[in-house]
N, C-alpha and C. Protein backbone atom coordinates (compact mmCIF):
# COMPACT_ATOMS: atom_id res chain seq x y z
N MET A 1 -35.50 -12.12 -9.25
CA MET A 1 -34.94 -11.06 -10.07
C MET A 1 -35.59 -9.73 -9.71
N LYS A 2 -34.78 -8.71 -9.51
CA LYS A 2 -35.29 -7.38 -9.18
C LYS A 2 -35.92 -6.75 -10.41
N LYS A 3 -36.94 -5.93 -10.17
CA LYS A 3 -37.66 -5.29 -11.28
C LYS A 3 -37.46 -3.79 -11.22
N ILE A 4 -37.32 -3.19 -12.42
CA ILE A 4 -37.14 -1.75 -12.50
C ILE A 4 -38.04 -1.19 -13.60
N LEU A 5 -38.65 -0.05 -13.32
CA LEU A 5 -39.46 0.65 -14.32
C LEU A 5 -38.72 1.92 -14.69
N ILE A 6 -38.46 2.08 -15.99
CA ILE A 6 -37.79 3.28 -16.50
C ILE A 6 -38.86 4.14 -17.18
N VAL A 7 -39.00 5.37 -16.70
CA VAL A 7 -40.02 6.28 -17.23
C VAL A 7 -39.32 7.51 -17.78
N ASP A 8 -39.21 7.58 -19.10
CA ASP A 8 -38.51 8.70 -19.75
C ASP A 8 -38.98 8.77 -21.19
N ASP A 9 -39.09 9.99 -21.71
CA ASP A 9 -39.54 10.16 -23.09
C ASP A 9 -38.38 10.32 -24.07
N GLU A 10 -37.15 10.19 -23.59
CA GLU A 10 -35.97 10.33 -24.44
C GLU A 10 -35.47 8.94 -24.85
N PRO A 11 -35.68 8.55 -26.12
CA PRO A 11 -35.35 7.18 -26.55
C PRO A 11 -33.91 6.74 -26.25
N ASN A 12 -32.94 7.63 -26.43
CA ASN A 12 -31.54 7.24 -26.19
C ASN A 12 -31.29 6.90 -24.72
N ILE A 13 -31.90 7.65 -23.84
CA ILE A 13 -31.75 7.37 -22.41
C ILE A 13 -32.42 6.04 -22.06
N VAL A 14 -33.63 5.85 -22.58
CA VAL A 14 -34.37 4.61 -22.31
C VAL A 14 -33.56 3.41 -22.79
N MET A 15 -33.02 3.50 -24.00
CA MET A 15 -32.26 2.36 -24.56
C MET A 15 -31.02 2.05 -23.72
N SER A 16 -30.26 3.08 -23.34
CA SER A 16 -29.04 2.82 -22.58
C SER A 16 -29.36 2.29 -21.18
N LEU A 17 -30.42 2.83 -20.55
CA LEU A 17 -30.80 2.33 -19.23
C LEU A 17 -31.32 0.89 -19.31
N GLU A 18 -32.15 0.63 -20.30
CA GLU A 18 -32.69 -0.73 -20.46
C GLU A 18 -31.57 -1.74 -20.64
N TYR A 19 -30.63 -1.44 -21.53
CA TYR A 19 -29.50 -2.33 -21.79
C TYR A 19 -28.69 -2.55 -20.51
N THR A 20 -28.37 -1.45 -19.82
CA THR A 20 -27.52 -1.52 -18.63
C THR A 20 -28.18 -2.33 -17.52
N PHE A 21 -29.46 -2.09 -17.28
CA PHE A 21 -30.10 -2.82 -16.17
C PHE A 21 -30.38 -4.27 -16.51
N LYS A 22 -30.66 -4.58 -17.77
CA LYS A 22 -30.81 -5.99 -18.16
C LYS A 22 -29.48 -6.72 -17.95
N LYS A 23 -28.38 -6.05 -18.29
CA LYS A 23 -27.05 -6.62 -18.11
C LYS A 23 -26.76 -6.86 -16.63
N ASN A 24 -27.40 -6.07 -15.77
CA ASN A 24 -27.22 -6.22 -14.33
C ASN A 24 -28.33 -7.08 -13.70
N ASN A 25 -28.95 -7.93 -14.52
CA ASN A 25 -29.94 -8.91 -14.07
C ASN A 25 -31.21 -8.30 -13.48
N PHE A 26 -31.69 -7.23 -14.07
CA PHE A 26 -32.99 -6.66 -13.70
C PHE A 26 -34.01 -7.02 -14.76
N GLU A 27 -35.25 -7.22 -14.32
CA GLU A 27 -36.36 -7.28 -15.26
C GLU A 27 -36.76 -5.82 -15.49
N VAL A 28 -36.80 -5.41 -16.76
CA VAL A 28 -36.98 -3.99 -17.09
C VAL A 28 -38.33 -3.73 -17.74
N PHE A 29 -39.04 -2.73 -17.22
CA PHE A 29 -40.27 -2.23 -17.83
C PHE A 29 -40.01 -0.82 -18.31
N ILE A 30 -40.64 -0.44 -19.42
CA ILE A 30 -40.42 0.87 -20.03
C ILE A 30 -41.74 1.62 -20.15
N ALA A 31 -41.72 2.90 -19.78
CA ALA A 31 -42.85 3.79 -20.04
C ALA A 31 -42.28 5.09 -20.60
N ARG A 32 -42.99 5.67 -21.56
CA ARG A 32 -42.49 6.88 -22.21
C ARG A 32 -43.14 8.16 -21.69
N ASP A 33 -44.07 8.00 -20.76
CA ASP A 33 -44.64 9.16 -20.06
C ASP A 33 -45.29 8.68 -18.78
N GLY A 34 -45.71 9.63 -17.96
CA GLY A 34 -46.26 9.27 -16.66
C GLY A 34 -47.52 8.43 -16.74
N GLN A 35 -48.38 8.72 -17.71
CA GLN A 35 -49.62 7.94 -17.82
C GLN A 35 -49.32 6.48 -18.15
N GLU A 36 -48.39 6.27 -19.08
CA GLU A 36 -48.00 4.89 -19.43
C GLU A 36 -47.41 4.18 -18.20
N ALA A 37 -46.64 4.92 -17.41
CA ALA A 37 -46.07 4.33 -16.19
C ALA A 37 -47.18 3.91 -15.23
N LEU A 38 -48.16 4.78 -15.03
CA LEU A 38 -49.25 4.46 -14.10
C LEU A 38 -50.05 3.25 -14.60
N ASP A 39 -50.19 3.13 -15.92
CA ASP A 39 -50.88 1.96 -16.48
C ASP A 39 -50.10 0.68 -16.19
N ILE A 40 -48.78 0.72 -16.37
CA ILE A 40 -47.93 -0.45 -16.09
C ILE A 40 -48.01 -0.82 -14.61
N LEU A 41 -48.05 0.20 -13.75
CA LEU A 41 -48.03 -0.03 -12.30
C LEU A 41 -49.33 -0.61 -11.75
N LYS A 42 -50.35 -0.71 -12.60
CA LYS A 42 -51.58 -1.38 -12.16
C LYS A 42 -51.36 -2.88 -12.02
N ASN A 43 -50.41 -3.42 -12.82
CA ASN A 43 -50.19 -4.87 -12.85
C ASN A 43 -48.79 -5.31 -12.45
N HIS A 44 -47.86 -4.38 -12.38
CA HIS A 44 -46.46 -4.71 -12.05
C HIS A 44 -46.00 -3.85 -10.89
N PHE A 45 -45.19 -4.44 -10.01
CA PHE A 45 -44.76 -3.74 -8.81
C PHE A 45 -43.23 -3.80 -8.73
N PRO A 46 -42.58 -2.87 -9.42
CA PRO A 46 -41.11 -2.90 -9.48
C PRO A 46 -40.48 -2.52 -8.14
N ASP A 47 -39.22 -2.90 -7.99
CA ASP A 47 -38.46 -2.54 -6.80
C ASP A 47 -37.99 -1.09 -6.88
N VAL A 48 -37.71 -0.65 -8.11
CA VAL A 48 -37.19 0.69 -8.35
C VAL A 48 -37.91 1.31 -9.54
N ILE A 49 -38.18 2.61 -9.43
CA ILE A 49 -38.74 3.37 -10.55
C ILE A 49 -37.80 4.54 -10.82
N ILE A 50 -37.30 4.60 -12.04
CA ILE A 50 -36.49 5.75 -12.47
C ILE A 50 -37.41 6.65 -13.26
N LEU A 51 -37.51 7.90 -12.84
CA LEU A 51 -38.56 8.78 -13.31
C LEU A 51 -37.98 10.11 -13.81
N ASP A 52 -38.28 10.43 -15.05
CA ASP A 52 -37.94 11.75 -15.58
C ASP A 52 -38.97 12.74 -15.06
N VAL A 53 -38.63 14.02 -15.02
CA VAL A 53 -39.60 15.02 -14.58
C VAL A 53 -40.40 15.56 -15.76
N MET A 54 -39.69 16.02 -16.79
CA MET A 54 -40.37 16.66 -17.92
C MET A 54 -40.74 15.62 -18.98
N MET A 55 -42.05 15.30 -19.03
CA MET A 55 -42.56 14.31 -19.99
C MET A 55 -43.92 14.77 -20.49
N PRO A 56 -44.34 14.25 -21.65
CA PRO A 56 -45.68 14.58 -22.14
C PRO A 56 -46.77 13.95 -21.26
N ARG A 57 -47.98 14.42 -21.41
CA ARG A 57 -49.18 13.92 -20.72
C ARG A 57 -49.11 14.12 -19.21
N VAL A 58 -48.38 13.27 -18.50
CA VAL A 58 -48.28 13.39 -17.05
C VAL A 58 -46.80 13.51 -16.69
N ASP A 59 -46.42 14.61 -16.02
CA ASP A 59 -45.00 14.79 -15.69
C ASP A 59 -44.59 13.91 -14.51
N GLY A 60 -43.30 13.91 -14.24
CA GLY A 60 -42.76 13.04 -13.19
C GLY A 60 -43.29 13.34 -11.80
N TYR A 61 -43.45 14.64 -11.49
CA TYR A 61 -43.96 15.00 -10.16
C TYR A 61 -45.36 14.45 -9.96
N ALA A 62 -46.25 14.67 -10.94
CA ALA A 62 -47.64 14.20 -10.83
C ALA A 62 -47.68 12.66 -10.79
N THR A 63 -46.78 12.02 -11.55
CA THR A 63 -46.70 10.56 -11.55
C THR A 63 -46.34 10.06 -10.15
N LEU A 64 -45.34 10.70 -9.53
CA LEU A 64 -44.92 10.27 -8.19
C LEU A 64 -46.05 10.47 -7.18
N GLU A 65 -46.80 11.56 -7.31
CA GLU A 65 -47.92 11.79 -6.39
C GLU A 65 -48.93 10.64 -6.48
N GLN A 66 -49.18 10.16 -7.69
CA GLN A 66 -50.11 9.04 -7.88
C GLN A 66 -49.52 7.73 -7.32
N ILE A 67 -48.23 7.52 -7.55
CA ILE A 67 -47.57 6.30 -7.05
C ILE A 67 -47.68 6.25 -5.52
N LYS A 68 -47.46 7.37 -4.87
CA LYS A 68 -47.47 7.41 -3.40
C LYS A 68 -48.85 7.12 -2.82
N LYS A 69 -49.90 7.28 -3.61
CA LYS A 69 -51.26 7.00 -3.14
C LYS A 69 -51.58 5.50 -3.17
N ASP A 70 -50.76 4.70 -3.87
CA ASP A 70 -51.03 3.28 -4.04
C ASP A 70 -50.26 2.46 -3.01
N GLU A 71 -50.98 1.84 -2.09
CA GLU A 71 -50.33 1.08 -1.03
C GLU A 71 -49.46 -0.06 -1.55
N ARG A 72 -49.83 -0.61 -2.71
CA ARG A 72 -49.06 -1.74 -3.26
C ARG A 72 -47.68 -1.30 -3.75
N LEU A 73 -47.46 0.01 -3.85
CA LEU A 73 -46.19 0.53 -4.38
C LEU A 73 -45.35 1.19 -3.29
N GLN A 74 -45.75 1.03 -2.03
CA GLN A 74 -45.03 1.69 -0.94
C GLN A 74 -43.57 1.24 -0.84
N HIS A 75 -43.30 -0.01 -1.26
CA HIS A 75 -41.94 -0.54 -1.16
C HIS A 75 -41.02 0.00 -2.26
N CYS A 76 -41.58 0.61 -3.30
CA CYS A 76 -40.80 1.06 -4.46
C CYS A 76 -39.83 2.17 -4.08
N LYS A 77 -38.61 2.04 -4.57
CA LYS A 77 -37.64 3.13 -4.43
C LYS A 77 -37.78 4.00 -5.68
N ILE A 78 -37.81 5.32 -5.49
CA ILE A 78 -38.03 6.23 -6.60
C ILE A 78 -36.79 7.09 -6.80
N ILE A 79 -36.31 7.11 -8.04
CA ILE A 79 -35.18 7.97 -8.39
C ILE A 79 -35.62 8.91 -9.49
N PHE A 80 -35.55 10.20 -9.22
CA PHE A 80 -35.77 11.17 -10.31
C PHE A 80 -34.46 11.29 -11.08
N LEU A 81 -34.58 11.27 -12.39
CA LEU A 81 -33.44 11.45 -13.28
C LEU A 81 -33.86 12.55 -14.23
N SER A 82 -33.33 13.76 -14.01
CA SER A 82 -33.89 14.91 -14.72
C SER A 82 -32.82 15.94 -15.08
N ALA A 83 -33.11 16.70 -16.14
CA ALA A 83 -32.26 17.83 -16.51
C ALA A 83 -32.61 19.05 -15.66
N LYS A 84 -33.74 18.99 -14.97
CA LYS A 84 -34.13 20.10 -14.09
C LYS A 84 -33.20 20.08 -12.87
N ASN A 85 -32.29 21.05 -12.81
CA ASN A 85 -31.24 20.99 -11.80
C ASN A 85 -31.25 22.15 -10.81
N LYS A 86 -32.32 22.92 -10.80
CA LYS A 86 -32.42 24.01 -9.82
C LYS A 86 -32.72 23.42 -8.45
N GLU A 87 -32.25 24.11 -7.42
CA GLU A 87 -32.45 23.64 -6.05
C GLU A 87 -33.93 23.38 -5.76
N GLN A 88 -34.81 24.26 -6.26
CA GLN A 88 -36.25 24.09 -5.98
C GLN A 88 -36.81 22.85 -6.66
N ASP A 89 -36.28 22.49 -7.85
CA ASP A 89 -36.74 21.28 -8.54
C ASP A 89 -36.36 20.04 -7.73
N ILE A 90 -35.11 20.03 -7.26
CA ILE A 90 -34.60 18.90 -6.49
C ILE A 90 -35.38 18.77 -5.18
N GLU A 91 -35.56 19.91 -4.50
CA GLU A 91 -36.31 19.90 -3.23
C GLU A 91 -37.74 19.40 -3.44
N LYS A 92 -38.38 19.83 -4.54
CA LYS A 92 -39.74 19.40 -4.82
C LYS A 92 -39.79 17.87 -5.00
N GLY A 93 -38.86 17.36 -5.80
CA GLY A 93 -38.82 15.91 -6.05
C GLY A 93 -38.64 15.12 -4.77
N LEU A 94 -37.72 15.56 -3.92
CA LEU A 94 -37.46 14.84 -2.66
C LEU A 94 -38.63 15.01 -1.69
N SER A 95 -39.25 16.19 -1.67
CA SER A 95 -40.36 16.41 -0.74
C SER A 95 -41.59 15.59 -1.15
N LEU A 96 -41.71 15.26 -2.44
CA LEU A 96 -42.82 14.41 -2.89
C LEU A 96 -42.59 12.94 -2.54
N GLY A 97 -41.37 12.63 -2.10
CA GLY A 97 -41.11 11.26 -1.64
C GLY A 97 -40.09 10.48 -2.43
N ALA A 98 -39.37 11.14 -3.35
CA ALA A 98 -38.32 10.43 -4.09
C ALA A 98 -37.19 10.07 -3.12
N ASP A 99 -36.55 8.93 -3.38
CA ASP A 99 -35.43 8.50 -2.55
C ASP A 99 -34.12 9.14 -2.99
N LEU A 100 -34.09 9.57 -4.25
CA LEU A 100 -32.86 10.12 -4.82
C LEU A 100 -33.22 11.00 -6.00
N TYR A 101 -32.43 12.04 -6.22
CA TYR A 101 -32.65 12.93 -7.37
C TYR A 101 -31.31 13.07 -8.07
N MET A 102 -31.20 12.53 -9.28
CA MET A 102 -29.95 12.62 -10.05
C MET A 102 -30.17 13.52 -11.25
N ILE A 103 -29.13 14.26 -11.60
CA ILE A 103 -29.23 15.25 -12.66
C ILE A 103 -28.60 14.73 -13.95
N LYS A 104 -29.30 14.96 -15.07
CA LYS A 104 -28.76 14.64 -16.40
C LYS A 104 -27.83 15.78 -16.81
N PRO A 105 -26.75 15.51 -17.52
CA PRO A 105 -26.23 14.17 -17.86
C PRO A 105 -25.73 13.46 -16.61
N PHE A 106 -25.75 12.14 -16.64
CA PHE A 106 -25.45 11.35 -15.45
C PHE A 106 -24.50 10.22 -15.83
N SER A 107 -23.90 9.64 -14.81
CA SER A 107 -23.03 8.48 -14.99
C SER A 107 -23.87 7.21 -14.83
N LEU A 108 -23.89 6.38 -15.87
CA LEU A 108 -24.62 5.11 -15.79
C LEU A 108 -24.09 4.25 -14.65
N LYS A 109 -22.78 4.22 -14.51
CA LYS A 109 -22.15 3.41 -13.47
C LYS A 109 -22.62 3.86 -12.09
N LYS A 110 -22.64 5.19 -11.89
CA LYS A 110 -23.07 5.73 -10.59
C LYS A 110 -24.56 5.44 -10.36
N LEU A 111 -25.36 5.54 -11.41
CA LEU A 111 -26.80 5.26 -11.26
C LEU A 111 -27.03 3.81 -10.84
N VAL A 112 -26.34 2.89 -11.50
CA VAL A 112 -26.48 1.46 -11.14
C VAL A 112 -26.05 1.24 -9.69
N GLU A 113 -24.95 1.86 -9.29
CA GLU A 113 -24.49 1.73 -7.89
C GLU A 113 -25.55 2.23 -6.92
N GLN A 114 -26.15 3.39 -7.23
CA GLN A 114 -27.16 3.98 -6.36
C GLN A 114 -28.39 3.07 -6.27
N VAL A 115 -28.80 2.50 -7.42
CA VAL A 115 -29.95 1.60 -7.43
C VAL A 115 -29.68 0.40 -6.53
N LYS A 116 -28.49 -0.17 -6.66
CA LYS A 116 -28.15 -1.34 -5.86
C LYS A 116 -28.14 -1.01 -4.37
N ILE A 117 -27.63 0.17 -4.01
CA ILE A 117 -27.61 0.60 -2.60
C ILE A 117 -29.05 0.74 -2.09
N LEU A 118 -29.92 1.35 -2.89
CA LEU A 118 -31.31 1.58 -2.46
C LEU A 118 -32.08 0.29 -2.20
N ILE A 119 -31.79 -0.76 -3.01
CA ILE A 119 -32.61 -1.96 -2.87
C ILE A 119 -31.99 -3.01 -1.94
N GLU A 120 -30.81 -2.76 -1.42
CA GLU A 120 -30.20 -3.73 -0.49
C GLU A 120 -30.81 -3.64 0.88
């Protein structure tokens, strides 16, 4: 079973993503900020991490920088899912090593398709 970590501080987004990915046979982990995500990643190695940018404590960019330093997480596909839609935000996310940058509001169906493409 493929594993996915959803990192977002918006409860409605977390709930809809969790439901959708469980329905698509993923084991789902949830973190509500970057620090919680990094704590989870000490013991779990998901195939995909969906990461918000604007979060309390540790933002998505700083979280990704930490993820990239961990050799055990090199296989992880990273998708930024953010309301930050300026060209410089997107470029920053991709330059830090994200595989994809999707803008909120987003299509759940398209997100699931993109995740499946990334992990095949």
